[in-house]
């Protein structure tokens, strides 16, 4: 991404009434913590450091803060420690009540934070090349999976040929999966509500299966962020947010599959947009003899946004409608099918067919949108 020079001021076009409404909604969703998160995001957006230029995402006409992930992390901590007492997560001695806290989520907290810090360094310093960032993420992912072999046990992959169902091969494959999804998630952080929406839906489904106060606190922080992101377009997850949240989702997906709660194809369907779009863009760029790691505006959400703008929709509306629309269609539909009881998650054949159908439709729609934009 291209960053805006930190000496350039961040535009302040959001009206006072809009901020008042957003503050009220944030308080309604998250109480005092939600209101505090709102104040932090307003403060971040009124400072011109760590800012993306309007052109960097190819989907906005205003400068935006890259520190949305920082606001989410602070909000998550506040919900964990501030709301925990009120919700009964602590007992009278101040200890966690184990029945309301799934400690599995805590077991990969350290690697997730370290991976997020790789993104934070790039948010501030801008010195890490894409290949180096991916290498660091890969090494941290490998170390995390090595330290927690239960995330990828051989028993969960008994369908693999014996030659492939080996600890070392599973370790490498898991590391590549986490690294690939981190890259895919970072790519999707371009349209308002897109990556945040997909992650919220995934975490809600995960929490639906295994009640976890960590996940509930993170969802609360993400919802407050999403309100501000959708309404203003002035703040994005940034590399800290996209790296941290994407790695969390990847580790959580591996853990859920290892414990038999989900089929791989259902997980693929839930996270289809960033994964399929990354594969489509990389394949397309390689065919054009371009670097697959370079920033570009050749993503499906870029084309969808341009089509809406060309038809007269305001930029911020087109941006937010693109992001939240894709998130609801790509992740929301599988989530609805399982939470409504229409389709069970272990139905491998159904979810395999669903994923393949989504892949075909995704590629077709992306090409159609691209043609619509180029014809204009």
Protein backbone atom coordinates (compact mmCIF):
# COMPACT_ATOMS: atom_id res chain seq x y z
CA UNK A 1 0.00 0.00 0.00
CA UNK A 2 1.07 3.56 -0.61
CA UNK A 3 1.18 5.64 2.55
CA UNK A 4 0.36 9.27 2.78
CA UNK A 5 3.17 11.56 3.93
CA UNK A 6 2.66 12.09 7.67
CA UNK A 7 2.94 15.85 7.20
CA UNK A 8 -0.38 15.94 5.36
CA UNK A 9 -3.43 16.61 7.53
CA UNK A 10 -6.29 14.16 7.70
CA UNK A 11 -9.54 15.62 6.27
CA UNK A 12 -12.23 16.42 8.83
CA UNK A 13 -15.38 16.27 6.70
CA UNK A 14 -17.48 14.21 9.10
CA UNK A 15 -20.21 16.43 10.56
CA UNK A 16 -20.77 16.96 14.26
CA UNK A 17 -24.23 15.41 14.03
CA UNK A 18 -22.82 12.30 12.39
CA UNK A 19 -20.22 11.96 15.14
CA UNK A 20 -22.92 12.41 17.78
CA UNK A 21 -25.02 9.63 16.25
CA UNK A 22 -21.99 7.36 15.93
CA UNK A 23 -21.04 8.00 19.54
CA UNK A 24 -24.57 7.14 20.67
CA UNK A 25 -24.57 3.92 18.63
CA UNK A 26 -21.16 2.97 20.02
CA UNK A 27 -22.43 3.50 23.55
CA UNK A 28 -25.57 1.51 22.79
CA UNK A 29 -23.49 -1.44 21.54
CA UNK A 30 -20.61 -1.36 24.02
CA UNK A 31 -21.63 0.93 26.87
CA UNK A 32 -18.89 3.10 28.32
CA UNK A 33 -16.22 0.93 26.70
CA UNK A 34 -17.85 1.38 23.30
CA UNK A 35 -18.00 5.14 23.85
CA UNK A 36 -14.32 5.15 24.86
CA UNK A 37 -13.43 3.19 21.69
CA UNK A 38 -15.34 5.75 19.63
CA UNK A 39 -13.38 8.59 21.26
CA UNK A 40 -10.08 6.81 20.56
CA UNK A 41 -10.98 6.33 16.88
CA UNK A 42 -12.00 9.98 16.51
CA UNK A 43 -8.66 10.98 18.06
CA UNK A 44 -6.72 8.67 15.74
CA UNK A 45 -8.50 10.05 12.68
CA UNK A 46 -7.67 13.63 13.64
CA UNK A 47 -3.93 12.96 13.60
CA UNK A 48 -1.95 12.79 10.40
CA UNK A 49 0.52 10.08 11.39
CA UNK A 50 0.18 6.47 10.25
CA UNK A 51 -2.21 7.45 7.48
CA UNK A 52 -3.05 5.81 4.16
CA UNK A 53 -3.41 8.07 1.16
CA UNK A 54 -6.80 8.19 -0.51
CA UNK A 55 -5.43 6.26 -3.49
CA UNK A 56 -3.84 3.38 -1.58
CA UNK A 57 -6.94 1.18 -1.44
CA UNK A 58 -8.27 2.31 -4.82
CA UNK A 59 -11.68 2.50 -3.20
CA UNK A 60 -11.71 5.78 -1.29
CA UNK A 61 -11.22 9.49 -1.86
CA UNK A 62 -10.14 10.47 1.63
CA UNK A 63 -7.13 9.81 3.80
CA UNK A 64 -7.64 7.22 6.53
CA UNK A 65 -5.96 6.05 9.71
CA UNK A 66 -4.21 2.68 9.66
CA UNK A 67 -4.62 2.14 13.40
CA UNK A 68 -8.08 0.60 13.60
CA UNK A 69 -6.47 -2.62 14.80
CA UNK A 70 -4.97 -0.76 17.74
CA UNK A 71 -8.40 0.61 18.71
CA UNK A 72 -9.88 -2.90 18.49
CA UNK A 73 -7.09 -4.38 20.63
CA UNK A 74 -7.56 -1.73 23.33
CA UNK A 75 -11.31 -2.23 23.21
CA UNK A 76 -10.91 -6.01 23.47
CA UNK A 77 -8.74 -5.63 26.57
CA UNK A 78 -11.26 -3.23 28.09
CA UNK A 79 -14.14 -5.65 27.47
CA UNK A 80 -12.11 -8.56 28.88
CA UNK A 81 -11.15 -6.80 32.11
CA UNK A 82 -13.93 -4.22 32.40
CA UNK A 83 -17.00 -6.19 31.41
CA UNK A 84 -15.78 -9.53 32.74
CA UNK A 85 -16.78 -8.81 36.32
CA UNK A 86 -20.27 -7.70 35.37
CA UNK A 87 -20.80 -10.78 33.19
CA UNK A 88 -19.63 -13.23 35.83
CA UNK A 89 -16.40 -14.25 34.14
CA UNK A 90 -14.59 -13.75 37.48
CA UNK A 91 -15.47 -15.34 40.78
CA UNK A 92 -15.36 -13.55 44.14
CA UNK A 93 -11.59 -14.10 44.37
CA UNK A 94 -10.94 -12.51 41.00
CA UNK A 95 -10.16 -15.79 39.18
CA UNK A 96 -11.53 -16.72 35.76
CA UNK A 97 -14.66 -18.92 35.84
CA UNK A 98 -13.52 -21.73 33.55
CA UNK A 99 -17.03 -22.58 32.34
CA UNK A 100 -17.28 -19.14 30.73
CA UNK A 101 -13.79 -18.95 29.27
CA UNK A 102 -12.47 -21.41 26.70
CA UNK A 103 -8.73 -21.45 27.35
CA UNK A 104 -8.01 -22.89 23.89
CA UNK A 105 -8.26 -19.37 22.50
CA UNK A 106 -5.62 -18.19 24.97
CA UNK A 107 -3.12 -20.85 23.86
CA UNK A 108 -2.34 -19.04 20.60
CA UNK A 109 -2.59 -15.50 21.98
CA UNK A 110 1.20 -15.05 22.02
CA UNK A 111 1.82 -15.98 18.34
CA UNK A 112 -1.17 -13.89 17.26
CA UNK A 113 0.21 -10.84 19.09
CA UNK A 114 3.69 -11.40 17.64
CA UNK A 115 2.31 -11.69 14.13
CA UNK A 116 0.26 -8.54 14.71
CA UNK A 117 3.43 -6.74 15.82
CA UNK A 118 5.03 -7.57 12.47
CA UNK A 119 2.16 -5.63 10.91
CA UNK A 120 2.44 -2.82 13.45
CA UNK A 121 6.12 -2.38 12.63
CA UNK A 122 5.21 -2.00 8.97
CA UNK A 123 2.38 0.41 9.84
CA UNK A 124 4.88 2.75 11.49
CA UNK A 125 8.23 2.06 9.83
CA UNK A 126 7.16 0.99 6.30
CA UNK A 127 10.54 -0.73 5.80
CA UNK A 128 9.56 -4.40 5.56
CA UNK A 129 9.26 -5.81 2.06
CA UNK A 130 6.25 -8.08 1.41
CA UNK A 131 8.42 -11.21 1.10
CA UNK A 132 10.14 -10.47 4.41
CA UNK A 133 6.81 -9.87 6.16
CA UNK A 134 5.49 -13.19 4.90
CA UNK A 135 8.68 -14.95 5.97
CA UNK A 136 8.39 -13.56 9.49
CA UNK A 137 4.72 -14.54 9.67
CA UNK A 138 5.59 -18.02 8.39
CA UNK A 139 8.31 -18.52 10.99
CA UNK A 140 6.05 -17.34 13.82
CA UNK A 141 3.24 -19.59 12.58
CA UNK A 142 5.61 -22.55 12.38
CA UNK A 143 6.84 -21.93 15.93
CA UNK A 144 3.26 -21.67 17.22
CA UNK A 145 2.17 -24.92 15.60
CA UNK A 146 5.32 -26.68 16.75
CA UNK A 147 4.66 -25.58 20.32
CA UNK A 148 0.99 -26.62 20.05
CA UNK A 149 0.89 -29.91 18.08
CA UNK A 150 -2.74 -30.44 19.10
CA UNK A 151 -3.74 -27.82 16.52
CA UNK A 152 -2.81 -30.22 13.70
CA UNK A 153 -2.93 -33.80 15.03
CA UNK A 154 -2.39 -36.65 12.59
CA UNK A 155 -5.74 -38.16 13.64
CA UNK A 156 -7.61 -35.19 12.16
CA UNK A 157 -5.99 -35.75 8.76
CA UNK A 158 -6.37 -39.52 8.49
CA UNK A 159 -7.88 -39.01 5.02
CA UNK A 160 -4.44 -37.98 3.76
CA UNK A 161 -2.08 -40.60 2.27
CA UNK A 162 0.24 -41.95 4.96
CA UNK A 163 3.25 -40.38 3.26
CA UNK A 164 1.69 -36.91 3.71
CA UNK A 165 0.17 -37.44 7.14
CA UNK A 166 3.49 -36.82 8.89
CA UNK A 167 4.20 -34.29 11.67
CA UNK A 168 6.77 -32.33 9.66
CA UNK A 169 4.58 -32.11 6.57
CA UNK A 170 1.55 -31.11 8.63
CA UNK A 171 3.66 -28.47 10.39
CA UNK A 172 4.79 -26.95 7.10
CA UNK A 173 1.31 -27.13 5.59
CA UNK A 174 -0.25 -25.47 8.64
CA UNK A 175 2.35 -22.70 8.60
CA UNK A 176 1.70 -22.03 4.93
CA UNK A 177 -2.05 -21.99 5.55
CA UNK A 178 -1.78 -19.42 8.35
CA UNK A 179 0.67 -17.29 6.36
CA UNK A 180 -1.49 -17.45 3.25
CA UNK A 181 -4.62 -16.41 5.11
CA UNK A 182 -2.80 -13.52 6.80
CA UNK A 183 -1.82 -12.28 3.34
CA UNK A 184 -5.36 -12.83 2.06
CA UNK A 185 -6.84 -10.96 5.00
CA UNK A 186 -4.48 -8.03 4.55
CA UNK A 187 -5.49 -7.85 0.89
CA UNK A 188 -9.19 -7.72 1.80
CA UNK A 189 -8.75 -4.75 4.18
CA UNK A 190 -9.61 -2.31 1.43
CA UNK A 191 -13.37 -1.92 1.48
CA UNK A 192 -15.23 -0.64 4.53
CA UNK A 193 -16.50 -3.53 6.62
CA UNK A 194 -15.17 -6.30 4.36
CA UNK A 195 -12.50 -8.06 6.43
CA UNK A 196 -14.03 -6.94 9.73
CA UNK A 197 -17.43 -8.25 8.67
CA UNK A 198 -16.09 -11.64 7.57
CA UNK A 199 -14.18 -12.02 10.84
CA UNK A 200 -17.15 -11.00 13.01
CA UNK A 201 -19.36 -13.60 11.30
CA UNK A 202 -16.70 -16.30 11.68
CA UNK A 203 -16.16 -15.51 15.37
CA UNK A 204 -19.91 -15.52 16.02
CA UNK A 205 -20.20 -18.99 14.51
CA UNK A 206 -17.17 -20.21 16.50
CA UNK A 207 -18.66 -18.77 19.69
CA UNK A 208 -22.01 -20.37 18.84
CA UNK A 209 -20.26 -23.75 18.96
CA UNK A 210 -17.94 -23.09 21.91
CA UNK A 211 -18.93 -20.20 24.16
CA UNK A 212 -15.76 -18.23 24.79
CA UNK A 213 -15.61 -14.86 26.53
CA UNK A 214 -12.45 -14.00 24.58
CA UNK A 215 -14.41 -14.28 21.34
CA UNK A 216 -17.40 -12.39 22.74
CA UNK A 217 -15.19 -9.49 23.89
CA UNK A 218 -13.43 -9.36 20.53
CA UNK A 219 -16.73 -9.36 18.63
CA UNK A 220 -17.96 -6.44 20.75
CA UNK A 221 -14.81 -4.44 19.95
CA UNK A 222 -15.08 -5.33 16.26
CA UNK A 223 -18.72 -4.24 16.06
CA UNK A 224 -17.90 -0.82 17.54
CA UNK A 225 -15.02 -0.48 15.08
CA UNK A 226 -17.23 -1.58 12.19
CA UNK A 227 -19.82 1.10 12.95
CA UNK A 228 -17.17 3.82 12.68
CA UNK A 229 -15.48 2.21 9.67
CA UNK A 230 -18.72 1.85 7.69
CA UNK A 231 -20.04 5.31 8.51
CA UNK A 232 -16.87 7.35 7.94
CA UNK A 233 -14.30 5.31 5.98
CA UNK A 234 -11.70 7.22 8.03
CA UNK A 235 -10.09 4.23 9.73
CA UNK A 236 -8.95 0.78 8.58
CA UNK A 237 -7.59 -2.24 10.39
CA UNK A 238 -4.07 -1.55 9.11
CA UNK A 239 -1.44 -4.28 9.07
CA UNK A 240 -1.56 -4.64 12.86
CA UNK A 241 -5.28 -5.34 12.77
CA UNK A 242 -5.41 -7.43 9.60
CA UNK A 243 -2.35 -9.54 10.52
CA UNK A 244 -3.50 -10.13 14.08
CA UNK A 245 -7.15 -10.89 13.33
CA UNK A 246 -6.37 -13.03 10.27
CA UNK A 247 -3.84 -15.14 12.16
CA UNK A 248 -6.31 -15.54 15.03
CA UNK A 249 -8.98 -16.80 12.63
CA UNK A 250 -6.52 -19.15 10.92
CA UNK A 251 -5.33 -20.70 14.21
CA UNK A 252 -8.90 -20.94 15.47
CA UNK A 253 -10.02 -22.63 12.24
CA UNK A 254 -7.25 -25.24 12.56
CA UNK A 255 -8.22 -25.88 16.16
CA UNK A 256 -11.94 -26.20 15.40
CA UNK A 257 -11.23 -28.67 12.61
CA UNK A 258 -8.82 -30.69 14.75
CA UNK A 259 -11.50 -31.08 17.42
CA UNK A 260 -14.05 -32.30 14.87
CA UNK A 261 -16.46 -29.38 15.12
CA UNK A 262 -16.18 -28.34 11.47
CA UNK A 263 -15.40 -29.84 8.10
CA UNK A 264 -12.58 -28.18 6.14
CA UNK A 265 -14.96 -27.25 3.34
CA UNK A 266 -17.30 -25.42 5.71
CA UNK A 267 -14.34 -23.42 7.03
CA UNK A 268 -13.37 -22.74 3.42
CA UNK A 269 -16.89 -21.56 2.65
CA UNK A 270 -16.92 -19.21 5.66
CA UNK A 271 -13.59 -17.66 4.67
CA UNK A 272 -14.06 -17.97 0.93
CA UNK A 273 -13.81 -14.34 -0.15
CA UNK A 274 -10.28 -13.48 1.02
CA UNK A 275 -8.95 -16.94 0.10
CA UNK A 276 -10.49 -17.24 -3.36
CA UNK A 277 -9.83 -13.59 -4.20
CA UNK A 278 -6.16 -13.92 -3.25
CA UNK A 279 -5.79 -16.99 -5.49
CA UNK A 280 -7.60 -15.23 -8.34
CA UNK A 281 -5.48 -12.07 -8.09
CA UNK A 282 -2.17 -13.96 -7.75
CA UNK A 283 -3.01 -16.16 -10.76
CA UNK A 284 -4.06 -13.14 -12.82
CA UNK A 285 -0.92 -11.18 -11.95
CA UNK A 286 1.39 -14.09 -12.71
CA UNK A 287 -0.32 -14.50 -16.08
CA UNK A 288 0.45 -10.82 -16.75
CA UNK A 289 4.05 -11.32 -15.55
CA UNK A 290 3.49 -9.00 -12.59
CA UNK A 291 4.57 -9.44 -8.98
CA UNK A 292 1.84 -11.19 -6.95
CA UNK A 293 2.96 -9.23 -3.87
CA UNK A 294 2.59 -5.74 -5.33
CA UNK A 295 -0.26 -3.46 -4.28
CA UNK A 296 -2.98 -3.01 -6.86
CA UNK A 297 -6.58 -2.13 -7.50
CA UNK A 298 -7.42 -5.31 -9.40
CA UNK A 299 -9.49 -6.87 -6.62
CA UNK A 300 -13.13 -7.81 -6.93
CA UNK A 301 -14.11 -5.26 -4.27
CA UNK A 302 -12.35 -2.53 -6.28
CA UNK A 303 -14.40 -3.43 -9.36
CA UNK A 304 -17.66 -3.61 -7.40
CA UNK A 305 -16.97 -0.20 -5.88
CA UNK A 306 -16.18 1.36 -9.26
CA UNK A 307 -19.38 -0.03 -10.76
CA UNK A 308 -21.47 1.52 -7.99
CA UNK A 309 -19.69 4.89 -8.28
CA UNK A 310 -20.11 4.89 -12.05
CA UNK A 311 -23.84 4.50 -11.48
CA UNK A 312 -23.97 7.65 -9.38
CA UNK A 313 -23.61 6.34 -5.83
CA UNK A 314 -21.64 8.45 -3.36
CA UNK A 315 -18.13 7.21 -2.62
CA UNK A 316 -18.55 6.43 1.08
CA UNK A 317 -21.89 4.68 0.43
CA UNK A 318 -20.46 2.65 -2.44
CA UNK A 319 -17.41 1.73 -0.36
CA UNK A 320 -19.38 0.56 2.66
CA UNK A 321 -22.06 -1.21 0.61
CA UNK A 322 -19.34 -3.08 -1.27
CA UNK A 323 -17.56 -4.24 1.87
CA UNK A 324 -20.50 -5.24 4.03
CA UNK A 325 -22.38 -6.70 1.06
CA UNK A 326 -19.53 -9.03 0.13
CA UNK A 327 -19.03 -10.02 3.78
CA UNK A 328 -22.71 -10.88 4.25
CA UNK A 329 -22.93 -12.87 1.02
CA UNK A 330 -19.64 -14.75 1.29
CA UNK A 331 -19.53 -15.46 5.04
CA UNK A 332 -23.08 -14.71 6.11
CA UNK A 333 -24.77 -17.32 3.92
CA UNK A 334 -22.80 -20.34 5.26
CA UNK A 335 -23.22 -19.00 8.79
CA UNK A 336 -26.99 -18.74 8.35
CA UNK A 337 -27.25 -22.25 6.90
CA UNK A 338 -25.55 -23.85 9.90
CA UNK A 339 -26.92 -21.70 12.72
CA UNK A 340 -30.46 -22.12 11.39
CA UNK A 341 -30.00 -25.89 11.34
CA UNK A 342 -30.58 -26.13 7.59
CA UNK A 343 -27.21 -27.82 6.94
CA UNK A 344 -24.93 -29.50 9.52
CA UNK A 345 -21.26 -28.49 9.54
CA UNK A 346 -20.00 -32.11 9.24
CA UNK A 347 -21.78 -32.46 5.85
CA UNK A 348 -18.56 -32.71 3.83
CA UNK A 349 -20.21 -33.41 0.46
CA UNK A 350 -22.55 -30.42 0.72
CA UNK A 351 -19.86 -27.97 1.80
CA UNK A 352 -17.44 -29.22 -0.84
CA UNK A 353 -20.08 -28.60 -3.52
CA UNK A 354 -20.92 -25.23 -1.93
CA UNK A 355 -17.28 -24.12 -1.94
CA UNK A 356 -16.76 -25.15 -5.58
CA UNK A 357 -19.97 -23.36 -6.58
CA UNK A 358 -18.84 -20.23 -4.73
CA UNK A 359 -15.43 -20.36 -6.43
CA UNK A 360 -17.00 -20.53 -9.89
CA UNK A 361 -19.48 -17.73 -9.15
CA UNK A 362 -16.76 -15.58 -7.56
CA UNK A 363 -14.47 -15.79 -10.60
CA UNK A 364 -17.36 -15.17 -13.02
CA UNK A 365 -18.65 -12.14 -11.08
CA UNK A 366 -15.13 -10.68 -10.73
CA UNK A 367 -14.57 -10.92 -14.49
CA UNK A 368 -18.00 -9.44 -15.21
CA UNK A 369 -17.40 -6.52 -12.86
CA UNK A 370 -13.98 -5.92 -14.41
CA UNK A 371 -15.51 -5.77 -17.89
CA UNK A 372 -18.20 -3.35 -16.67
CA UNK A 373 -15.54 -1.02 -15.23
CA UNK A 374 -13.29 -1.18 -18.31
CA UNK A 375 -16.18 -0.57 -20.71
CA UNK A 376 -17.00 2.66 -18.89
